[in-house]
Amino acid sequence: MPIEAVGADVNEARQAATMWEQYELLGRIRALEAKKPRSCQRIFDFEDEITAKCDKHIDALEKHIQQRTSPERFFTIGWKVI
């Protein structure tokens, strides 16, 4: 359930006609609030996974660049001043 829905439930709970309605709504809110830390942790784990993959690709690219930029002598030109 999106965060906006939690806010709507809070508003409903404040305006509930009976204590029973308020109790039910507050119970739903409590259950949703309990799920929030787990959802946030999953997001952080996913971000860490993406960062690790990105670092891996950057390392591979650096190795590839280093392989292609090594100096190498192809030919030598001799000069003679007359």
Protein backbone atom coordinates (compact mmCIF):
# COMPACT_ATOMS: atom_id res chain seq x y z
CA MET A 1 0.00 0.00 0.00
CA PRO A 2 1.43 3.39 -0.93
CA ILE A 3 2.35 5.99 1.66
CA GLU A 4 -0.54 8.20 0.53
CA ALA A 5 -2.95 5.43 1.51
CA VAL A 6 -1.48 5.34 5.01
CA GLY A 7 -2.11 9.06 5.33
CA ALA A 8 -5.68 8.55 4.14
CA ASP A 9 -6.16 5.81 6.75
CA VAL A 10 -4.85 8.13 9.46
CA ASN A 11 -7.34 10.80 8.42
CA GLU A 12 -10.13 8.21 8.36
CA ALA A 13 -9.17 7.02 11.83
CA ARG A 14 -9.38 10.58 13.16
CA GLN A 15 -12.86 10.99 11.66
CA ALA A 16 -14.15 7.50 12.48
CA ALA A 17 -17.71 7.48 13.76
CA THR A 18 -17.17 4.68 16.25
CA MET A 19 -14.32 3.54 18.39
CA TRP A 20 -14.49 0.13 16.64
CA GLU A 21 -13.86 1.77 13.23
CA GLN A 22 -11.04 3.78 14.70
CA TYR A 23 -9.57 0.61 16.26
CA GLU A 24 -9.69 -1.25 12.91
CA LEU A 25 -8.09 1.61 11.00
CA LEU A 26 -5.36 2.08 13.58
CA GLY A 27 -4.67 -1.67 13.41
CA ARG A 28 -4.20 -1.44 9.62
CA ILE A 29 -1.94 1.58 10.07
CA ARG A 30 0.16 -0.28 12.65
CA ALA A 31 0.54 -3.26 10.29
CA LEU A 32 1.60 -1.00 7.41
CA GLU A 33 4.05 0.91 9.59
CA ALA A 34 5.61 -2.41 10.63
CA LYS A 35 6.20 -3.29 6.96
CA LYS A 36 7.87 0.04 6.19
CA PRO A 37 11.35 -0.76 7.60
CA ARG A 38 11.46 -4.03 5.65
CA SER A 39 10.49 -2.24 2.44
CA CYS A 40 13.16 0.38 3.00
CA GLN A 41 15.74 -2.33 3.67
CA ARG A 42 14.83 -4.05 0.40
CA ILE A 43 15.34 -0.77 -1.44
CA PHE A 44 18.75 -0.27 0.21
CA ASP A 45 19.75 -3.84 -0.66
CA PHE A 46 18.74 -3.28 -4.27
CA GLU A 47 20.74 -0.03 -4.39
CA ASP A 48 23.77 -1.85 -2.99
CA GLU A 49 23.40 -4.54 -5.64
CA ILE A 50 23.22 -1.93 -8.40
CA THR A 51 26.27 -0.12 -7.02
CA ALA A 52 28.25 -3.37 -6.88
CA LYS A 53 27.36 -4.19 -10.50
CA CYS A 54 28.27 -0.66 -11.58
CA ASP A 55 31.64 -0.90 -9.80
CA LYS A 56 32.28 -4.25 -11.47
CA HIS A 57 31.58 -2.77 -14.91
CA ILE A 58 33.79 0.25 -14.21
CA ASP A 59 36.66 -2.03 -13.12
CA ALA A 60 36.28 -4.12 -16.28
CA LEU A 61 36.27 -0.96 -18.40
CA GLU A 62 39.41 0.34 -16.66
CA LYS A 63 41.20 -2.95 -17.35
CA HIS A 64 40.11 -2.83 -20.98
CA ILE A 65 41.35 0.75 -21.35
CA GLN A 66 44.69 -0.09 -19.75
CA GLN A 67 45.16 -2.96 -22.18
CA ARG A 68 44.59 -0.73 -25.18
CA THR A 69 46.77 2.18 -24.12
CA SER A 70 50.09 0.45 -23.53
CA PRO A 71 52.91 2.09 -25.51
CA GLU A 72 54.45 -0.05 -28.22
CA ARG A 73 57.16 0.69 -30.77
CA PHE A 74 55.98 -0.07 -34.29
CA PHE A 75 58.90 1.28 -36.27
CA THR A 76 62.06 3.37 -35.95
CA ILE A 77 63.07 6.20 -38.25
CA GLY A 78 66.74 6.94 -38.70
CA TRP A 79 67.87 10.48 -39.59
CA LYS A 80 71.16 11.50 -41.06
CA VAL A 81 72.19 15.18 -41.39
CA ILE A 82 74.24 15.92 -44.50
